Amino acid sequence: MNRDSIQRLRLDRRMTRRPGWISEKELDAALEALPDVTEKMTTLGDAEEGAGNEAPAGTSEDPTPA
């Protein structure tokens, strides 16, 4: 493996469990340095509001039985 691919695996969850792979101090510092992307998230309330305005796929708009 080259240096770039090892660096990309540095914070891989599976690798962080390996003894000696990364210290707790290095892991905490690396996680703190990650950017905050909370403005990109969708909450469950937002998802339900968006889904409530549309009819489910395969159903007609008219809810009365024929």
C-alpha atoms as a PDB file:
ATOM      1  CA  MET A   1       0.000   0.000   0.000  1.00  0.00           C
ATOM      2  CA  ASN A   2       1.210   3.472  -0.723  1.00  0.00           C
ATOM      3  CA  ARG A   3       1.155   6.379   1.700  1.00  0.00           C
ATOM      4  CA  ASP A   4      -2.030   7.950   0.275  1.00  0.00           C
ATOM      5  CA  SER A   5      -4.146   4.825   0.637  1.00  0.00           C
ATOM      6  CA  ILE A   6      -2.934   4.259   4.193  1.00  0.00           C
ATOM      7  CA  GLN A   7      -3.790   7.855   5.050  1.00  0.00           C
ATOM      8  CA  ARG A   8      -7.345   7.378   3.712  1.00  0.00           C
ATOM      9  CA  LEU A   9      -7.744   4.286   5.911  1.00  0.00           C
ATOM     10  CA  ARG A  10      -6.471   6.096   9.008  1.00  0.00           C
ATOM     11  CA  LEU A  11      -9.983   6.810  10.339  1.00  0.00           C
ATOM     12  CA  ASP A  12     -11.698   3.682   8.987  1.00  0.00           C
ATOM     13  CA  ARG A  13     -13.850   2.257  11.810  1.00  0.00           C
ATOM     14  CA  ARG A  14     -12.608  -1.257  11.227  1.00  0.00           C
ATOM     15  CA  MET A  15      -8.999  -0.148  11.356  1.00  0.00           C
ATOM     16  CA  THR A  16      -9.343   2.059  14.451  1.00  0.00           C
ATOM     17  CA  ARG A  17     -10.165  -1.065  16.477  1.00  0.00           C
ATOM     18  CA  ARG A  18      -6.745  -2.546  15.713  1.00  0.00           C
ATOM     19  CA  PRO A  19      -4.301  -2.257  18.601  1.00  0.00           C
ATOM     20  CA  GLY A  20      -1.596   0.291  17.842  1.00  0.00           C
ATOM     21  CA  TRP A  21      -3.203   1.574  14.623  1.00  0.00           C
ATOM     22  CA  ILE A  22      -4.074   5.023  15.978  1.00  0.00           C
ATOM     23  CA  SER A  23      -3.907   6.394  19.497  1.00  0.00           C
ATOM     24  CA  GLU A  24      -6.977   7.746  21.275  1.00  0.00           C
ATOM     25  CA  LYS A  25      -5.402  11.196  21.288  1.00  0.00           C
ATOM     26  CA  GLU A  26      -4.783  11.142  17.506  1.00  0.00           C
ATOM     27  CA  LEU A  27      -8.277   9.781  16.834  1.00  0.00           C
ATOM     28  CA  ASP A  28      -9.935  12.479  18.953  1.00  0.00           C
ATOM     29  CA  ALA A  29      -7.909  15.212  17.237  1.00  0.00           C
ATOM     30  CA  ALA A  30      -8.736  13.856  13.772  1.00  0.00           C
ATOM     31  CA  LEU A  31     -12.454  13.605  14.554  1.00  0.00           C
ATOM     32  CA  GLU A  32     -12.510  17.154  15.933  1.00  0.00           C
ATOM     33  CA  ALA A  33     -10.872  18.386  12.707  1.00  0.00           C
ATOM     34  CA  LEU A  34     -13.664  16.988  10.512  1.00  0.00           C
ATOM     35  CA  PRO A  35     -15.964  19.641   9.033  1.00  0.00           C
ATOM     36  CA  ASP A  36     -19.432  20.211  10.486  1.00  0.00           C
ATOM     37  CA  VAL A  37     -22.018  19.146   7.899  1.00  0.00           C
ATOM     38  CA  THR A  38     -25.186  19.401   9.994  1.00  0.00           C
ATOM     39  CA  GLU A  39     -26.760  21.751   7.435  1.00  0.00           C
ATOM     40  CA  LYS A  40     -26.795  18.842   4.958  1.00  0.00           C
ATOM     41  CA  MET A  41     -28.720  16.441   7.181  1.00  0.00           C
ATOM     42  CA  THR A  42     -32.405  15.600   6.925  1.00  0.00           C
ATOM     43  CA  THR A  43     -34.349  15.015  10.117  1.00  0.00           C
ATOM     44  CA  LEU A  44     -37.139  12.484  10.421  1.00  0.00           C
ATOM     45  CA  GLY A  45     -39.642  15.329  10.792  1.00  0.00           C
ATOM     46  CA  ASP A  46     -38.480  16.865   7.508  1.00  0.00           C
ATOM     47  CA  ALA A  47     -38.693  13.505   5.751  1.00  0.00           C
ATOM     48  CA  GLU A  48     -42.229  12.853   7.039  1.00  0.00           C
ATOM     49  CA  GLU A  49     -43.439  16.316   6.023  1.00  0.00           C
ATOM     50  CA  GLY A  50     -42.148  15.824   2.490  1.00  0.00           C
ATOM     51  CA  ALA A  51     -43.623  12.330   2.221  1.00  0.00           C
ATOM     52  CA  GLY A  52     -47.031  13.388   3.568  1.00  0.00           C
ATOM     53  CA  ASN A  53     -47.665  15.730   0.637  1.00  0.00           C
ATOM     54  CA  GLU A  54     -47.339  13.053  -2.041  1.00  0.00           C
ATOM     55  CA  ALA A  55     -49.505  10.041  -2.816  1.00  0.00           C
ATOM     56  CA  PRO A  56     -47.703   6.698  -2.451  1.00  0.00           C
ATOM     57  CA  ALA A  57     -46.525   5.152  -5.698  1.00  0.00           C
ATOM     58  CA  GLY A  58     -49.076   2.911  -7.386  1.00  0.00           C
ATOM     59  CA  THR A  59     -52.137   4.537  -5.789  1.00  0.00           C
ATOM     60  CA  SER A  60     -54.631   6.897  -7.310  1.00  0.00           C
ATOM     61  CA  GLU A  61     -55.247  10.422  -6.048  1.00  0.00           C
ATOM     62  CA  ASP A  62     -58.942   9.659  -5.358  1.00  0.00           C
ATOM     63  CA  PRO A  63     -59.240   7.803  -2.015  1.00  0.00           C
ATOM     64  CA  THR A  64     -62.901   6.725  -2.563  1.00  0.00           C
ATOM     65  CA  PRO A  65     -63.333   3.085  -3.618  1.00  0.00           C
ATOM     66  CA  ALA A  66     -64.793   2.385  -7.048  1.00  0.00           C
END
